[in-house]
Every structure is written in C-alpha cells, then in structure tokens.
Amino acid sequence: MYSSTGTQPAMPQKGEMLFSLEERGIRFSSDMTKAELYDLIKMHKPQYENFAIDCLLADHGHRVLRLPPYHPDLNFIEQNWGIVNTSIAAKKCYV
C-alpha cells in the first residue's frame, strides 16, 4: 500500500501494534513477528469505514453505495470531465 506521495507508509512499531491488538481484545502470541502482527491487524480491520453521514442516512431509510474513486464507468462526473478536457485540449485553451 502506498500513500498519495508514492512512498510506502512506515510500519508502526511493534509496541504500538501490540497495544492496538490488546486494546481491541484481539488474541495474539508474544513471539509473533511484526509482519505476523500486521497481518493479524489487517485481518481484524473493518472492511468499510463507517461515517456519521451513513448512519444519518440509514436512520432515514436510505442506503449509501460507495463507488471506486475516479472510475469513469461508474462515476458520471468522470465521463463529463473527460469530455471537458478533450474540448479544452482541442481548442488549446489553457488557463
């Protein structure tokens, strides 16, 4: 996994990983390596993050559908930006 800057984020210290697992009540062995602990943390990470707006919408009978960001086939705005960009490039109008 890489950050938006293109660099790989630093792996947390083993003590931080142990604290996180203990805090969430996840069982682990004290002789596990950092890589094994990291896999254990990833395995228990929720698949989707819950946002307050999701709960608010659910309380009012609505369901949130998350789409992959910047996916041109699923996000209509991406198709429109493609048309706008092509038009600007054809006219050579640069701001």
Protein backbone atom coordinates (compact mmCIF):
# COMPACT_ATOMS: atom_id res chain seq x y z
CA MET A 1 0.00 0.00 0.00
CA TYR A 2 1.36 3.40 -0.96
CA SER A 3 0.42 6.90 0.07
CA SER A 4 -0.61 9.69 -2.29
CA THR A 5 3.01 10.85 -2.39
CA GLY A 6 4.04 7.49 -3.88
CA THR A 7 6.03 6.39 -0.86
CA GLN A 8 5.25 3.40 1.27
CA PRO A 9 3.94 4.41 4.72
CA ALA A 10 6.12 3.47 7.67
CA MET A 11 5.10 0.35 9.55
CA PRO A 12 4.22 1.09 13.18
CA GLN A 13 6.49 0.00 15.98
CA LYS A 14 5.86 -3.45 17.44
CA GLY A 15 4.81 -1.95 20.78
CA GLU A 16 2.13 0.15 19.05
CA MET A 17 0.87 -2.93 17.26
CA LEU A 18 0.69 -4.93 20.49
CA PHE A 19 -1.14 -2.07 22.23
CA SER A 20 -3.65 -1.82 19.38
CA LEU A 21 -4.37 -5.55 19.48
CA GLU A 22 -4.72 -5.57 23.28
CA GLU A 23 -6.99 -2.52 23.17
CA ARG A 24 -9.35 -4.27 20.74
CA GLY A 25 -9.25 -7.57 22.63
CA ILE A 26 -7.61 -9.49 19.79
CA ARG A 27 -5.60 -12.51 20.92
CA PHE A 28 -2.00 -12.84 19.78
CA SER A 29 1.18 -14.65 20.71
CA SER A 30 4.02 -12.68 22.28
CA ASP A 31 6.56 -14.35 19.95
CA MET A 32 4.83 -13.15 16.74
CA THR A 33 6.89 -11.07 14.33
CA LYS A 34 5.87 -7.57 13.22
CA ALA A 35 4.77 -8.96 9.86
CA GLU A 36 2.54 -11.54 11.57
CA LEU A 37 1.09 -8.89 13.88
CA TYR A 38 0.44 -6.62 10.90
CA ASP A 39 -1.40 -9.44 9.10
CA LEU A 40 -3.48 -10.03 12.24
CA ILE A 41 -4.38 -6.34 12.46
CA LYS A 42 -5.36 -6.25 8.77
CA MET A 43 -7.47 -9.39 9.22
CA HIS A 44 -9.50 -7.72 12.01
CA LYS A 45 -9.80 -4.33 10.31
CA PRO A 46 -13.37 -3.48 9.30
CA GLN A 47 -13.91 -3.78 5.56
CA TYR A 48 -15.65 -0.43 5.29
CA GLU A 49 -15.27 2.66 7.41
CA ASN A 50 -18.49 3.93 8.97
CA PHE A 51 -19.15 7.63 8.62
CA ALA A 52 -21.67 9.69 10.60
CA ILE A 53 -23.48 10.61 7.40
CA ASP A 54 -24.00 6.91 6.62
CA CYS A 55 -25.73 6.41 9.97
CA LEU A 56 -27.85 9.53 9.49
CA LEU A 57 -28.98 8.39 6.06
CA ALA A 58 -29.68 4.84 7.29
CA ASP A 59 -31.85 6.25 10.09
CA HIS A 60 -33.96 7.91 7.39
CA GLY A 61 -34.29 4.78 5.24
CA HIS A 62 -31.51 5.47 2.75
CA ARG A 63 -28.58 3.26 1.78
CA VAL A 64 -25.13 4.54 0.79
CA LEU A 65 -23.46 2.93 -2.19
CA ARG A 66 -19.72 3.57 -2.32
CA LEU A 67 -18.11 3.60 -5.74
CA PRO A 68 -14.41 3.37 -6.57
CA PRO A 69 -13.00 6.89 -6.85
CA TYR A 70 -12.25 8.22 -10.34
CA HIS A 71 -13.77 5.20 -12.08
CA PRO A 72 -15.08 6.50 -15.43
CA ASP A 73 -17.60 3.71 -15.97
CA LEU A 74 -19.26 4.17 -12.58
CA ASN A 75 -18.93 7.89 -11.85
CA PHE A 76 -20.80 10.08 -14.30
CA ILE A 77 -18.72 13.14 -13.42
CA GLU A 78 -15.58 11.38 -14.69
CA GLN A 79 -17.17 10.96 -18.13
CA ASN A 80 -18.06 14.66 -18.19
CA TRP A 81 -14.56 15.70 -17.15
CA GLY A 82 -13.21 13.62 -19.99
CA ILE A 83 -15.42 15.49 -22.47
CA VAL A 84 -14.42 18.88 -20.99
CA ASN A 85 -10.72 18.02 -21.04
CA THR A 86 -10.90 16.83 -24.66
CA SER A 87 -12.72 20.01 -25.66
CA ILE A 88 -10.19 22.26 -23.93
CA ALA A 89 -7.27 20.36 -25.44
CA ALA A 90 -8.79 20.63 -28.93
CA LYS A 91 -9.17 24.41 -28.59
CA LYS A 92 -5.79 24.73 -26.90
CA CYS A 93 -7.39 26.85 -24.21
CA TYR A 94 -5.09 26.73 -21.22
CA VAL A 95 -5.67 28.72 -18.09
